[in-house]
Amino acid sequence: MKLVNLVFQVFFLLITSLILIYFLTAYDSAFEADQNCHSYLSSYDNLPGNYGCDHDTETHQWILYESNDNKEPAKIIKKFRYKFL
């Protein structure tokens, strides 16, 4: 019985920690994430390359990326995740 109680306590602690990490590490809104993405983007304007910010609605984040002229996929530089709920 003590083992079952210990397993439930560890499971509860893990779930609580994951929820706290999710809410404490994300931006409060999509607008705030967008502003931070474009702020970082302005620091890349002087470098050669094609940089941009794009909104990914499925993962609820703004993505700062660098694309190149050839047919290769874009390189993701930084992700700005925002709270969905």
C-alpha atoms as a PDB file:
ATOM      1  CA  MET A   1       0.000   0.000   0.000  1.00  0.00           C
ATOM      2  CA  LYS A   2       2.878   2.353   0.758  1.00  0.00           C
ATOM      3  CA  LEU A   3       4.409   1.623  -2.623  1.00  0.00           C
ATOM      4  CA  VAL A   4       1.192   2.528  -4.446  1.00  0.00           C
ATOM      5  CA  ASN A   5       0.972   5.768  -2.464  1.00  0.00           C
ATOM      6  CA  LEU A   6       4.588   6.582  -3.329  1.00  0.00           C
ATOM      7  CA  VAL A   7       3.975   5.935  -7.036  1.00  0.00           C
ATOM      8  CA  PHE A   8       0.945   8.248  -7.032  1.00  0.00           C
ATOM      9  CA  GLN A   9       2.893  10.971  -5.242  1.00  0.00           C
ATOM     10  CA  VAL A  10       5.762  10.783  -7.724  1.00  0.00           C
ATOM     11  CA  PHE A  11       3.307  10.810 -10.637  1.00  0.00           C
ATOM     12  CA  PHE A  12       1.466  13.810  -9.169  1.00  0.00           C
ATOM     13  CA  LEU A  13       4.748  15.659  -8.608  1.00  0.00           C
ATOM     14  CA  LEU A  14       5.858  14.971 -12.170  1.00  0.00           C
ATOM     15  CA  ILE A  15       2.581  16.190 -13.678  1.00  0.00           C
ATOM     16  CA  THR A  16       2.603  19.302 -11.486  1.00  0.00           C
ATOM     17  CA  SER A  17       6.196  20.074 -12.474  1.00  0.00           C
ATOM     18  CA  LEU A  18       5.452  19.723 -16.179  1.00  0.00           C
ATOM     19  CA  ILE A  19       2.440  22.028 -15.935  1.00  0.00           C
ATOM     20  CA  LEU A  20       4.467  24.637 -14.059  1.00  0.00           C
ATOM     21  CA  ILE A  21       7.309  24.465 -16.580  1.00  0.00           C
ATOM     22  CA  TYR A  22       4.832  24.867 -19.448  1.00  0.00           C
ATOM     23  CA  PHE A  23       3.195  27.955 -17.977  1.00  0.00           C
ATOM     24  CA  LEU A  24       6.312  29.609 -16.584  1.00  0.00           C
ATOM     25  CA  THR A  25       8.539  29.304 -19.666  1.00  0.00           C
ATOM     26  CA  ALA A  26       6.101  30.454 -22.375  1.00  0.00           C
ATOM     27  CA  TYR A  27       5.174  33.956 -23.454  1.00  0.00           C
ATOM     28  CA  ASP A  28       1.786  35.183 -22.260  1.00  0.00           C
ATOM     29  CA  SER A  29       0.325  35.789 -25.712  1.00  0.00           C
ATOM     30  CA  ALA A  30       0.967  35.295 -29.411  1.00  0.00           C
ATOM     31  CA  PHE A  31       1.446  39.048 -29.745  1.00  0.00           C
ATOM     32  CA  GLU A  32       4.251  39.035 -27.156  1.00  0.00           C
ATOM     33  CA  ALA A  33       5.948  36.096 -28.892  1.00  0.00           C
ATOM     34  CA  ASP A  34       5.604  37.892 -32.236  1.00  0.00           C
ATOM     35  CA  GLN A  35       7.164  41.072 -30.862  1.00  0.00           C
ATOM     36  CA  ASN A  36      10.119  39.152 -29.437  1.00  0.00           C
ATOM     37  CA  CYS A  37      10.634  37.251 -32.682  1.00  0.00           C
ATOM     38  CA  HIS A  38      10.725  40.469 -34.694  1.00  0.00           C
ATOM     39  CA  SER A  39      13.007  42.047 -32.105  1.00  0.00           C
ATOM     40  CA  TYR A  40      15.493  39.220 -32.597  1.00  0.00           C
ATOM     41  CA  LEU A  41      14.960  39.500 -36.359  1.00  0.00           C
ATOM     42  CA  SER A  42      16.071  43.138 -36.324  1.00  0.00           C
ATOM     43  CA  SER A  43      19.449  42.072 -34.922  1.00  0.00           C
ATOM     44  CA  TYR A  44      19.976  39.833 -37.988  1.00  0.00           C
ATOM     45  CA  ASP A  45      19.268  42.541 -40.593  1.00  0.00           C
ATOM     46  CA  ASN A  46      22.934  43.443 -41.126  1.00  0.00           C
ATOM     47  CA  LEU A  47      24.029  39.861 -41.805  1.00  0.00           C
ATOM     48  CA  PRO A  48      23.849  38.241 -45.243  1.00  0.00           C
ATOM     49  CA  GLY A  49      20.973  35.796 -45.587  1.00  0.00           C
ATOM     50  CA  ASN A  50      17.225  35.703 -45.739  1.00  0.00           C
ATOM     51  CA  TYR A  51      15.807  35.815 -42.204  1.00  0.00           C
ATOM     52  CA  GLY A  52      12.167  35.851 -41.239  1.00  0.00           C
ATOM     53  CA  CYS A  53       9.554  35.172 -38.565  1.00  0.00           C
ATOM     54  CA  ASP A  54       6.678  32.793 -39.154  1.00  0.00           C
ATOM     55  CA  HIS A  55       3.686  31.847 -37.037  1.00  0.00           C
ATOM     56  CA  ASP A  56       3.055  28.130 -36.545  1.00  0.00           C
ATOM     57  CA  THR A  57      -0.537  27.744 -35.358  1.00  0.00           C
ATOM     58  CA  GLU A  58      -0.296  23.997 -34.761  1.00  0.00           C
ATOM     59  CA  THR A  59       2.492  24.246 -32.197  1.00  0.00           C
ATOM     60  CA  HIS A  60       1.525  27.732 -30.910  1.00  0.00           C
ATOM     61  CA  GLN A  61       4.848  29.414 -31.505  1.00  0.00           C
ATOM     62  CA  TRP A  62       6.626  31.986 -33.614  1.00  0.00           C
ATOM     63  CA  ILE A  63       9.735  30.735 -35.389  1.00  0.00           C
ATOM     64  CA  LEU A  64      12.787  32.786 -36.356  1.00  0.00           C
ATOM     65  CA  TYR A  65      14.377  31.130 -39.372  1.00  0.00           C
ATOM     66  CA  GLU A  66      17.019  31.590 -42.044  1.00  0.00           C
ATOM     67  CA  SER A  67      16.186  30.417 -45.543  1.00  0.00           C
ATOM     68  CA  ASN A  68      18.598  30.032 -48.404  1.00  0.00           C
ATOM     69  CA  ASP A  69      18.113  30.480 -52.135  1.00  0.00           C
ATOM     70  CA  ASN A  70      18.647  26.848 -53.066  1.00  0.00           C
ATOM     71  CA  LYS A  71      16.032  24.164 -52.461  1.00  0.00           C
ATOM     72  CA  GLU A  72      17.231  23.220 -48.952  1.00  0.00           C
ATOM     73  CA  PRO A  73      14.939  23.536 -45.922  1.00  0.00           C
ATOM     74  CA  ALA A  74      15.128  26.647 -43.783  1.00  0.00           C
ATOM     75  CA  LYS A  75      17.318  26.652 -40.683  1.00  0.00           C
ATOM     76  CA  ILE A  76      15.410  27.339 -37.448  1.00  0.00           C
ATOM     77  CA  ILE A  77      17.281  29.801 -35.262  1.00  0.00           C
ATOM     78  CA  LYS A  78      14.915  30.305 -32.320  1.00  0.00           C
ATOM     79  CA  LYS A  79      11.372  29.344 -31.291  1.00  0.00           C
ATOM     80  CA  PHE A  80       9.067  31.628 -29.306  1.00  0.00           C
ATOM     81  CA  ARG A  81       6.366  29.494 -27.705  1.00  0.00           C
ATOM     82  CA  TYR A  82       3.296  31.133 -26.221  1.00  0.00           C
ATOM     83  CA  LYS A  83       0.603  29.880 -23.884  1.00  0.00           C
ATOM     84  CA  PHE A  84      -2.319  28.283 -25.649  1.00  0.00           C
ATOM     85  CA  LEU A  85      -4.836  28.192 -22.804  1.00  0.00           C
END
